[in-house]
């Protein structure tokens, strides 16, 4: 019978948050370094954009990053366009994209020049909404505003860090709520959603393919890609909604921490990140 990991495990965390929205994680899985020619382009554009950032007064131009382990970096300016680069497992660029950038009608519009079939293609949204949160600046893909609102609702830094935030704002004050459009305010301030596990389907060969069924669905404000948590002092686990209808949902395991916590029928989860969450 497949082991549910060692009870002696001190810390294990494997999290794949909002995979539909993460342009870094949706790319090729290789870590083949970009070519010398591409690196020269990266260095040149980084220098030109950096010069304009240093001289500019627009609060939204600058260097942004997404992720905290192997961050993806994004920088842009009004005249020099944008540049984005990252890697899967190393700190040498294996993904790159660049092109024109236009700020119009409170939207940052990008025109990427690297084709999707390129070996070192770096995916990037083509339309971002600038969102300010206290003194911090975020660039949120226009079709991901609801997901960002759910991340704010959760209070989990591991979810929030997966959106582009201005690097120089890292230690600046974040007060109140982000200035998202009015229709997303209710998501950020809603009460925690607390579904129960009603069924578990284990995979005999892969712990992470365990499928969970929940007793709440779309009608209870669950959303595909949403992260839910179960936590006790000795440890816990997190799951991600993979499919749902009005009154039920399917989910998969995406993380465990401290001692292994085996999901059981009847356990109640929450959409609010626990205060003792170790990430």
C-alpha atoms as a PDB file:
ATOM      1  CA  UNK A   1       0.000   0.000   0.000  1.00  0.00           C
ATOM      2  CA  UNK A   2       1.324   3.424  -0.876  1.00  0.00           C
ATOM      3  CA  UNK A   3       2.907   5.262   2.072  1.00  0.00           C
ATOM      4  CA  UNK A   4       1.489   8.704   2.920  1.00  0.00           C
ATOM      5  CA  UNK A   5       5.030   9.977   3.539  1.00  0.00           C
ATOM      6  CA  UNK A   6       7.088   9.677   6.672  1.00  0.00           C
ATOM      7  CA  UNK A   7       5.636  10.842  10.008  1.00  0.00           C
ATOM      8  CA  UNK A   8       9.156  11.997  10.794  1.00  0.00           C
ATOM      9  CA  UNK A   9       8.994  14.527   8.019  1.00  0.00           C
ATOM     10  CA  UNK A  10       9.923  17.946   9.430  1.00  0.00           C
ATOM     11  CA  UNK A  11       8.919  20.053   6.511  1.00  0.00           C
ATOM     12  CA  UNK A  12       7.589  19.357   3.065  1.00  0.00           C
ATOM     13  CA  UNK A  13       5.782  21.804   0.912  1.00  0.00           C
ATOM     14  CA  UNK A  14       4.843  21.390  -2.699  1.00  0.00           C
ATOM     15  CA  UNK A  15       2.527  24.104  -3.921  1.00  0.00           C
ATOM     16  CA  UNK A  16       1.261  24.801  -7.428  1.00  0.00           C
ATOM     17  CA  UNK A  17      -0.905  27.931  -7.013  1.00  0.00           C
ATOM     18  CA  UNK A  18      -3.307  29.202  -9.681  1.00  0.00           C
ATOM     19  CA  UNK A  19      -1.651  27.271 -12.561  1.00  0.00           C
ATOM     20  CA  UNK A  20      -3.911  28.904 -15.129  1.00  0.00           C
ATOM     21  CA  UNK A  21      -2.637  32.318 -14.231  1.00  0.00           C
ATOM     22  CA  UNK A  22       1.052  31.842 -13.653  1.00  0.00           C
ATOM     23  CA  UNK A  23       2.903  32.787 -16.817  1.00  0.00           C
ATOM     24  CA  UNK A  24       6.216  31.555 -15.360  1.00  0.00           C
ATOM     25  CA  UNK A  25       5.052  28.062 -14.443  1.00  0.00           C
ATOM     26  CA  UNK A  26       3.106  27.469 -17.644  1.00  0.00           C
ATOM     27  CA  UNK A  27       6.169  27.588 -19.883  1.00  0.00           C
ATOM     28  CA  UNK A  28       8.463  24.898 -21.148  1.00  0.00           C
ATOM     29  CA  UNK A  29       9.783  22.702 -18.334  1.00  0.00           C
ATOM     30  CA  UNK A  30      13.378  22.695 -19.513  1.00  0.00           C
ATOM     31  CA  UNK A  31      16.121  24.798 -18.056  1.00  0.00           C
ATOM     32  CA  UNK A  32      18.185  25.106 -21.216  1.00  0.00           C
ATOM     33  CA  UNK A  33      19.980  28.469 -20.944  1.00  0.00           C
ATOM     34  CA  UNK A  34      19.072  31.193 -23.386  1.00  0.00           C
ATOM     35  CA  UNK A  35      21.559  31.637 -26.228  1.00  0.00           C
ATOM     36  CA  UNK A  36      24.447  34.120 -26.146  1.00  0.00           C
ATOM     37  CA  UNK A  37      22.559  36.223 -28.672  1.00  0.00           C
ATOM     38  CA  UNK A  38      19.454  36.266 -26.479  1.00  0.00           C
ATOM     39  CA  UNK A  39      21.537  37.137 -23.438  1.00  0.00           C
ATOM     40  CA  UNK A  40      23.001  40.122 -25.284  1.00  0.00           C
ATOM     41  CA  UNK A  41      19.447  41.254 -26.076  1.00  0.00           C
ATOM     42  CA  UNK A  42      18.514  40.810 -22.423  1.00  0.00           C
ATOM     43  CA  UNK A  43      21.500  42.855 -21.227  1.00  0.00           C
ATOM     44  CA  UNK A  44      20.923  45.624 -23.758  1.00  0.00           C
ATOM     45  CA  UNK A  45      17.217  45.955 -23.055  1.00  0.00           C
ATOM     46  CA  UNK A  46      17.770  45.725 -19.312  1.00  0.00           C
ATOM     47  CA  UNK A  47      20.210  48.607 -19.548  1.00  0.00           C
ATOM     48  CA  UNK A  48      17.994  50.803 -21.729  1.00  0.00           C
ATOM     49  CA  UNK A  49      14.862  50.192 -19.673  1.00  0.00           C
ATOM     50  CA  UNK A  50      16.841  50.678 -16.464  1.00  0.00           C
ATOM     51  CA  UNK A  51      18.086  54.076 -17.633  1.00  0.00           C
ATOM     52  CA  UNK A  52      14.549  55.242 -18.351  1.00  0.00           C
ATOM     53  CA  UNK A  53      13.319  53.902 -15.022  1.00  0.00           C
ATOM     54  CA  UNK A  54      16.032  55.866 -13.211  1.00  0.00           C
ATOM     55  CA  UNK A  55      15.116  59.071 -15.027  1.00  0.00           C
ATOM     56  CA  UNK A  56      11.353  58.615 -15.129  1.00  0.00           C
ATOM     57  CA  UNK A  57       8.691  59.886 -12.765  1.00  0.00           C
ATOM     58  CA  UNK A  58       5.876  57.480 -13.651  1.00  0.00           C
ATOM     59  CA  UNK A  59       5.211  55.442 -10.503  1.00  0.00           C
ATOM     60  CA  UNK A  60       4.257  52.319 -12.456  1.00  0.00           C
ATOM     61  CA  UNK A  61       7.385  51.878 -14.571  1.00  0.00           C
ATOM     62  CA  UNK A  62      10.056  49.791 -12.889  1.00  0.00           C
ATOM     63  CA  UNK A  63      11.240  46.285 -12.052  1.00  0.00           C
ATOM     64  CA  UNK A  64       8.703  43.713 -10.876  1.00  0.00           C
ATOM     65  CA  UNK A  65       9.030  40.118  -9.770  1.00  0.00           C
ATOM     66  CA  UNK A  66       6.805  37.100  -9.353  1.00  0.00           C
ATOM     67  CA  UNK A  67       7.615  34.141  -7.103  1.00  0.00           C
ATOM     68  CA  UNK A  68      10.120  33.899  -4.287  1.00  0.00           C
ATOM     69  CA  UNK A  69      12.192  30.761  -4.918  1.00  0.00           C
ATOM     70  CA  UNK A  70      13.259  31.229  -8.535  1.00  0.00           C
ATOM     71  CA  UNK A  71      11.571  34.569  -9.281  1.00  0.00           C
ATOM     72  CA  UNK A  72      10.504  35.684 -12.713  1.00  0.00           C
ATOM     73  CA  UNK A  73      11.582  39.275 -13.360  1.00  0.00           C
ATOM     74  CA  UNK A  74       9.670  41.827 -15.397  1.00  0.00           C
ATOM     75  CA  UNK A  75      10.666  45.397 -16.185  1.00  0.00           C
ATOM     76  CA  UNK A  76       9.153  48.041 -18.418  1.00  0.00           C
ATOM     77  CA  UNK A  77       9.256  51.697 -19.353  1.00  0.00           C
ATOM     78  CA  UNK A  78       7.169  53.932 -21.588  1.00  0.00           C
ATOM     79  CA  UNK A  79       9.700  54.289 -24.421  1.00  0.00           C
ATOM     80  CA  UNK A  80      11.824  51.130 -24.207  1.00  0.00           C
ATOM     81  CA  UNK A  81       9.064  48.556 -23.858  1.00  0.00           C
ATOM     82  CA  UNK A  82       9.209  45.500 -21.616  1.00  0.00           C
ATOM     83  CA  UNK A  83      11.553  42.647 -20.790  1.00  0.00           C
ATOM     84  CA  UNK A  84      10.729  39.493 -18.839  1.00  0.00           C
ATOM     85  CA  UNK A  85      12.976  36.560 -17.955  1.00  0.00           C
ATOM     86  CA  UNK A  86      13.196  33.629 -15.551  1.00  0.00           C
ATOM     87  CA  UNK A  87      14.145  29.989 -15.040  1.00  0.00           C
ATOM     88  CA  UNK A  88      12.590  26.856 -13.599  1.00  0.00           C
ATOM     89  CA  UNK A  89      15.372  25.545 -11.378  1.00  0.00           C
ATOM     90  CA  UNK A  90      18.430  27.729 -11.867  1.00  0.00           C
ATOM     91  CA  UNK A  91      19.253  31.388 -11.558  1.00  0.00           C
ATOM     92  CA  UNK A  92      20.519  31.680 -15.141  1.00  0.00           C
ATOM     93  CA  UNK A  93      17.783  32.750 -17.596  1.00  0.00           C
ATOM     94  CA  UNK A  94      16.159  29.907 -19.510  1.00  0.00           C
ATOM     95  CA  UNK A  95      13.061  31.863 -20.529  1.00  0.00           C
ATOM     96  CA  UNK A  96      12.826  35.302 -22.106  1.00  0.00           C
ATOM     97  CA  UNK A  97      10.405  37.609 -23.838  1.00  0.00           C
ATOM     98  CA  UNK A  98      10.364  41.277 -24.760  1.00  0.00           C
ATOM     99  CA  UNK A  99       8.525  43.776 -26.928  1.00  0.00           C
ATOM    100  CA  UNK A 100       6.570  47.007 -26.968  1.00  0.00           C
ATOM    101  CA  UNK A 101       4.620  48.347 -24.002  1.00  0.00           C
ATOM    102  CA  UNK A 102       1.833  50.921 -23.984  1.00  0.00           C
ATOM    103  CA  UNK A 103       0.000  52.401 -21.024  1.00  0.00           C
ATOM    104  CA  UNK A 104      -3.544  53.293 -22.087  1.00  0.00           C
ATOM    105  CA  UNK A 105      -6.909  53.605 -20.316  1.00  0.00           C
ATOM    106  CA  UNK A 106      -5.404  52.343 -17.069  1.00  0.00           C
ATOM    107  CA  UNK A 107      -4.068  49.227 -18.773  1.00  0.00           C
ATOM    108  CA  UNK A 108      -0.537  48.105 -19.538  1.00  0.00           C
ATOM    109  CA  UNK A 109      -0.652  46.599 -23.027  1.00  0.00           C
ATOM    110  CA  UNK A 110       2.219  44.379 -24.184  1.00  0.00           C
ATOM    111  CA  UNK A 111       3.193  43.118 -27.630  1.00  0.00           C
ATOM    112  CA  UNK A 112       5.533  40.118 -27.079  1.00  0.00           C
ATOM    113  CA  UNK A 113       8.039  39.339 -29.838  1.00  0.00           C
ATOM    114  CA  UNK A 114       9.045  35.775 -28.853  1.00  0.00           C
ATOM    115  CA  UNK A 115       6.800  33.108 -30.415  1.00  0.00           C
ATOM    116  CA  UNK A 116       5.110  30.488 -28.238  1.00  0.00           C
ATOM    117  CA  UNK A 117       6.944  27.635 -29.992  1.00  0.00           C
ATOM    118  CA  UNK A 118      10.375  29.075 -29.202  1.00  0.00           C
ATOM    119  CA  UNK A 119      12.566  26.846 -27.008  1.00  0.00           C
ATOM    120  CA  UNK A 120      13.121  29.627 -24.470  1.00  0.00           C
ATOM    121  CA  UNK A 121       9.672  31.192 -24.703  1.00  0.00           C
ATOM    122  CA  UNK A 122       8.543  33.092 -21.612  1.00  0.00           C
ATOM    123  CA  UNK A 123       4.776  33.427 -21.418  1.00  0.00           C
ATOM    124  CA  UNK A 124       3.422  36.806 -20.367  1.00  0.00           C
ATOM    125  CA  UNK A 125      -0.047  38.305 -20.281  1.00  0.00           C
ATOM    126  CA  UNK A 126      -0.671  40.946 -22.921  1.00  0.00           C
ATOM    127  CA  UNK A 127      -2.899  43.140 -20.753  1.00  0.00           C
ATOM    128  CA  UNK A 128      -2.287  44.093 -17.121  1.00  0.00           C
ATOM    129  CA  UNK A 129      -4.282  46.177 -14.667  1.00  0.00           C
ATOM    130  CA  UNK A 130      -2.228  48.319 -12.265  1.00  0.00           C
ATOM    131  CA  UNK A 131      -3.348  47.711  -8.679  1.00  0.00           C
ATOM    132  CA  UNK A 132      -2.102  49.689  -5.714  1.00  0.00           C
ATOM    133  CA  UNK A 133      -2.201  48.273  -2.201  1.00  0.00           C
ATOM    134  CA  UNK A 134      -1.106  50.864   0.309  1.00  0.00           C
ATOM    135  CA  UNK A 135       2.397  51.795  -0.845  1.00  0.00           C
ATOM    136  CA  UNK A 136       2.832  48.647  -2.944  1.00  0.00           C
ATOM    137  CA  UNK A 137       2.330  48.351  -6.709  1.00  0.00           C
ATOM    138  CA  UNK A 138       1.040  45.212  -8.473  1.00  0.00           C
ATOM    139  CA  UNK A 139       0.465  44.371 -12.124  1.00  0.00           C
ATOM    140  CA  UNK A 140      -2.408  41.884 -12.392  1.00  0.00           C
ATOM    141  CA  UNK A 141      -3.364  40.163 -15.660  1.00  0.00           C
ATOM    142  CA  UNK A 142      -6.695  41.634 -16.737  1.00  0.00           C
ATOM    143  CA  UNK A 143      -8.388  38.218 -16.683  1.00  0.00           C
ATOM    144  CA  UNK A 144      -6.986  37.325 -13.232  1.00  0.00           C
ATOM    145  CA  UNK A 145      -8.497  40.086 -11.079  1.00  0.00           C
ATOM    146  CA  UNK A 146     -10.917  37.687  -9.400  1.00  0.00           C
ATOM    147  CA  UNK A 147      -8.145  35.206  -8.627  1.00  0.00           C
ATOM    148  CA  UNK A 148      -6.077  38.003  -7.116  1.00  0.00           C
ATOM    149  CA  UNK A 149      -9.069  39.035  -4.989  1.00  0.00           C
ATOM    150  CA  UNK A 150      -9.359  35.450  -3.703  1.00  0.00           C
ATOM    151  CA  UNK A 151      -5.638  35.466  -2.904  1.00  0.00           C
ATOM    152  CA  UNK A 152      -6.115  38.662  -0.898  1.00  0.00           C
ATOM    153  CA  UNK A 153      -9.060  37.016   0.868  1.00  0.00           C
ATOM    154  CA  UNK A 154      -6.880  34.044   1.831  1.00  0.00           C
ATOM    155  CA  UNK A 155      -4.177  36.192   3.409  1.00  0.00           C
ATOM    156  CA  UNK A 156      -1.519  33.693   2.271  1.00  0.00           C
ATOM    157  CA  UNK A 157       1.763  35.281   1.213  1.00  0.00           C
ATOM    158  CA  UNK A 158       2.481  32.188  -0.899  1.00  0.00           C
ATOM    159  CA  UNK A 159      -0.520  33.100  -3.064  1.00  0.00           C
ATOM    160  CA  UNK A 160       0.094  36.842  -3.243  1.00  0.00           C
ATOM    161  CA  UNK A 161       3.745  36.467  -4.238  1.00  0.00           C
ATOM    162  CA  UNK A 162       2.644  34.738  -7.435  1.00  0.00           C
ATOM    163  CA  UNK A 163       1.553  38.072  -8.900  1.00  0.00           C
ATOM    164  CA  UNK A 164       3.903  40.706 -10.266  1.00  0.00           C
ATOM    165  CA  UNK A 165       4.796  43.197  -7.567  1.00  0.00           C
ATOM    166  CA  UNK A 166       7.258  46.077  -7.771  1.00  0.00           C
ATOM    167  CA  UNK A 167      10.567  44.904  -6.336  1.00  0.00           C
ATOM    168  CA  UNK A 168      11.372  48.161  -4.545  1.00  0.00           C
ATOM    169  CA  UNK A 169       8.057  47.921  -2.669  1.00  0.00           C
ATOM    170  CA  UNK A 170       8.958  44.687  -0.866  1.00  0.00           C
ATOM    171  CA  UNK A 171       9.236  46.266   2.583  1.00  0.00           C
ATOM    172  CA  UNK A 172       6.768  49.103   2.030  1.00  0.00           C
ATOM    173  CA  UNK A 173       3.515  49.334   3.955  1.00  0.00           C
ATOM    174  CA  UNK A 174       0.496  47.383   2.722  1.00  0.00           C
ATOM    175  CA  UNK A 175      -2.636  48.714   4.415  1.00  0.00           C
ATOM    176  CA  UNK A 176      -6.348  48.291   3.861  1.00  0.00           C
ATOM    177  CA  UNK A 177      -7.383  46.524   0.680  1.00  0.00           C
ATOM    178  CA  UNK A 178      -6.006  46.690  -2.870  1.00  0.00           C
ATOM    179  CA  UNK A 179      -7.747  49.249  -5.081  1.00  0.00           C
ATOM    180  CA  UNK A 180      -9.460  46.628  -7.212  1.00  0.00           C
ATOM    181  CA  UNK A 181     -12.657  47.531  -9.071  1.00  0.00           C
ATOM    182  CA  UNK A 182     -15.767  47.555  -6.883  1.00  0.00           C
ATOM    183  CA  UNK A 183     -17.069  44.187  -8.091  1.00  0.00           C
ATOM    184  CA  UNK A 184     -14.091  42.418  -6.503  1.00  0.00           C
ATOM    185  CA  UNK A 185     -14.353  44.065  -3.092  1.00  0.00           C
ATOM    186  CA  UNK A 186     -16.919  41.560  -1.847  1.00  0.00           C
ATOM    187  CA  UNK A 187     -14.551  38.674  -2.587  1.00  0.00           C
ATOM    188  CA  UNK A 188     -11.766  40.156  -0.499  1.00  0.00           C
ATOM    189  CA  UNK A 189     -13.963  40.764   2.555  1.00  0.00           C
ATOM    190  CA  UNK A 190     -16.248  37.715   2.364  1.00  0.00           C
ATOM    191  CA  UNK A 191     -16.410  35.258   5.248  1.00  0.00           C
ATOM    192  CA  UNK A 192     -14.198  32.182   5.056  1.00  0.00           C
ATOM    193  CA  UNK A 193     -15.608  29.356   2.957  1.00  0.00           C
ATOM    194  CA  UNK A 194     -15.425  26.111   4.953  1.00  0.00           C
ATOM    195  CA  UNK A 195     -16.276  22.994   2.933  1.00  0.00           C
ATOM    196  CA  UNK A 196     -16.025  19.434   4.226  1.00  0.00           C
ATOM    197  CA  UNK A 197     -14.362  16.489   2.524  1.00  0.00           C
ATOM    198  CA  UNK A 198     -17.079  14.030   1.515  1.00  0.00           C
ATOM    199  CA  UNK A 199     -15.031  11.516  -0.507  1.00  0.00           C
ATOM    200  CA  UNK A 200     -11.400  10.643  -1.199  1.00  0.00           C
ATOM    201  CA  UNK A 201     -10.016   8.790  -4.197  1.00  0.00           C
ATOM    202  CA  UNK A 202      -6.399   7.758  -3.669  1.00  0.00           C
ATOM    203  CA  UNK A 203      -3.886   6.949  -6.380  1.00  0.00           C
ATOM    204  CA  UNK A 204      -1.869   3.897  -5.393  1.00  0.00           C
ATOM    205  CA  UNK A 205       1.267   5.224  -7.042  1.00  0.00           C
ATOM    206  CA  UNK A 206       1.177   8.989  -6.604  1.00  0.00           C
ATOM    207  CA  UNK A 207       0.303  10.837  -3.390  1.00  0.00           C
ATOM    208  CA  UNK A 208      -0.261  14.087  -5.298  1.00  0.00           C
ATOM    209  CA  UNK A 209      -2.931  12.558  -7.532  1.00  0.00           C
ATOM    210  CA  UNK A 210      -5.268  12.046  -4.593  1.00  0.00           C
ATOM    211  CA  UNK A 211      -8.698  13.394  -5.586  1.00  0.00           C
ATOM    212  CA  UNK A 212     -10.952  14.971  -2.971  1.00  0.00           C
ATOM    213  CA  UNK A 213     -14.666  15.699  -3.213  1.00  0.00           C
ATOM    214  CA  UNK A 214     -16.104  18.632  -1.238  1.00  0.00           C
ATOM    215  CA  UNK A 215     -19.667  19.369  -0.154  1.00  0.00           C
ATOM    216  CA  UNK A 216     -19.684  22.982  -1.395  1.00  0.00           C
ATOM    217  CA  UNK A 217     -19.336  24.463  -4.852  1.00  0.00           C
ATOM    218  CA  UNK A 218     -19.857  27.556  -6.949  1.00  0.00           C
ATOM    219  CA  UNK A 219     -22.908  28.662  -4.962  1.00  0.00           C
ATOM    220  CA  UNK A 220     -20.734  28.930  -1.831  1.00  0.00           C
ATOM    221  CA  UNK A 221     -18.145  31.138  -3.583  1.00  0.00           C
ATOM    222  CA  UNK A 222     -15.668  28.391  -4.375  1.00  0.00           C
ATOM    223  CA  UNK A 223     -13.708  28.979  -7.554  1.00  0.00           C
ATOM    224  CA  UNK A 224     -11.542  26.824  -9.809  1.00  0.00           C
ATOM    225  CA  UNK A 225      -7.901  27.299  -8.817  1.00  0.00           C
ATOM    226  CA  UNK A 226      -8.810  28.376  -5.274  1.00  0.00           C
ATOM    227  CA  UNK A 227      -6.605  27.136  -2.426  1.00  0.00           C
ATOM    228  CA  UNK A 228      -8.091  25.716   0.775  1.00  0.00           C
ATOM    229  CA  UNK A 229      -6.312  24.769   3.994  1.00  0.00           C
ATOM    230  CA  UNK A 230      -6.491  22.283   6.840  1.00  0.00           C
ATOM    231  CA  UNK A 231      -4.186  23.059   9.720  1.00  0.00           C
ATOM    232  CA  UNK A 232      -3.522  21.813  13.248  1.00  0.00           C
ATOM    233  CA  UNK A 233      -0.535  22.535  15.529  1.00  0.00           C
ATOM    234  CA  UNK A 234       1.188  19.330  14.410  1.00  0.00           C
ATOM    235  CA  UNK A 235       0.835  20.040  10.705  1.00  0.00           C
ATOM    236  CA  UNK A 236      -1.603  20.362   7.853  1.00  0.00           C
ATOM    237  CA  UNK A 237      -2.247  20.247   4.129  1.00  0.00           C
ATOM    238  CA  UNK A 238      -3.566  22.443   1.348  1.00  0.00           C
ATOM    239  CA  UNK A 239      -5.694  21.603  -1.664  1.00  0.00           C
ATOM    240  CA  UNK A 240      -6.623  23.320  -4.912  1.00  0.00           C
ATOM    241  CA  UNK A 241     -10.061  23.278  -6.531  1.00  0.00           C
ATOM    242  CA  UNK A 242      -9.804  21.572  -9.921  1.00  0.00           C
ATOM    243  CA  UNK A 243     -13.457  21.346 -10.924  1.00  0.00           C
ATOM    244  CA  UNK A 244     -16.793  22.369  -9.482  1.00  0.00           C
ATOM    245  CA  UNK A 245     -20.512  22.678  -9.987  1.00  0.00           C
ATOM    246  CA  UNK A 246     -23.083  24.597  -7.973  1.00  0.00           C
ATOM    247  CA  UNK A 247     -23.056  22.451  -4.835  1.00  0.00           C
ATOM    248  CA  UNK A 248     -19.897  20.328  -4.909  1.00  0.00           C
ATOM    249  CA  UNK A 249     -16.277  20.483  -6.004  1.00  0.00           C
ATOM    250  CA  UNK A 250     -13.275  18.340  -6.850  1.00  0.00           C
ATOM    251  CA  UNK A 251      -9.805  19.150  -5.560  1.00  0.00           C
ATOM    252  CA  UNK A 252      -6.242  17.865  -5.463  1.00  0.00           C
ATOM    253  CA  UNK A 253      -3.544  18.010  -2.818  1.00  0.00           C
ATOM    254  CA  UNK A 254      -0.907  20.671  -3.403  1.00  0.00           C
ATOM    255  CA  UNK A 255       0.943  20.912  -0.100  1.00  0.00           C
ATOM    256  CA  UNK A 256       1.683  19.352   3.280  1.00  0.00           C
ATOM    257  CA  UNK A 257       3.770  20.752   6.124  1.00  0.00           C
ATOM    258  CA  UNK A 258       5.400  19.542   9.320  1.00  0.00           C
ATOM    259  CA  UNK A 259       4.160  16.034  10.090  1.00  0.00           C
ATOM    260  CA  UNK A 260       2.238  14.428   7.286  1.00  0.00           C
ATOM    261  CA  UNK A 261      -1.516  15.029   7.462  1.00  0.00           C
ATOM    262  CA  UNK A 262      -3.618  12.419   5.703  1.00  0.00           C
ATOM    263  CA  UNK A 263      -6.893  13.869   4.392  1.00  0.00           C
ATOM    264  CA  UNK A 264      -9.955  12.165   5.858  1.00  0.00           C
ATOM    265  CA  UNK A 265     -13.627  12.268   5.072  1.00  0.00           C
ATOM    266  CA  UNK A 266     -15.360  14.752   7.347  1.00  0.00           C
ATOM    267  CA  UNK A 267     -12.447  17.147   7.794  1.00  0.00           C
ATOM    268  CA  UNK A 268     -13.391  20.791   7.324  1.00  0.00           C
ATOM    269  CA  UNK A 269     -11.134  23.118   5.361  1.00  0.00           C
ATOM    270  CA  UNK A 270     -11.026  26.903   5.117  1.00  0.00           C
ATOM    271  CA  UNK A 271     -10.326  29.482   2.434  1.00  0.00           C
ATOM    272  CA  UNK A 272      -8.496  31.650   4.999  1.00  0.00           C
ATOM    273  CA  UNK A 273      -4.833  30.784   5.410  1.00  0.00           C
ATOM    274  CA  UNK A 274      -4.078  29.641   8.981  1.00  0.00           C
ATOM    275  CA  UNK A 275      -1.973  31.994  11.083  1.00  0.00           C
ATOM    276  CA  UNK A 276       0.543  29.201  11.702  1.00  0.00           C
ATOM    277  CA  UNK A 277       0.999  28.551   7.968  1.00  0.00           C
ATOM    278  CA  UNK A 278       4.768  27.985   7.527  1.00  0.00           C
ATOM    279  CA  UNK A 279       5.011  29.825   4.202  1.00  0.00           C
END
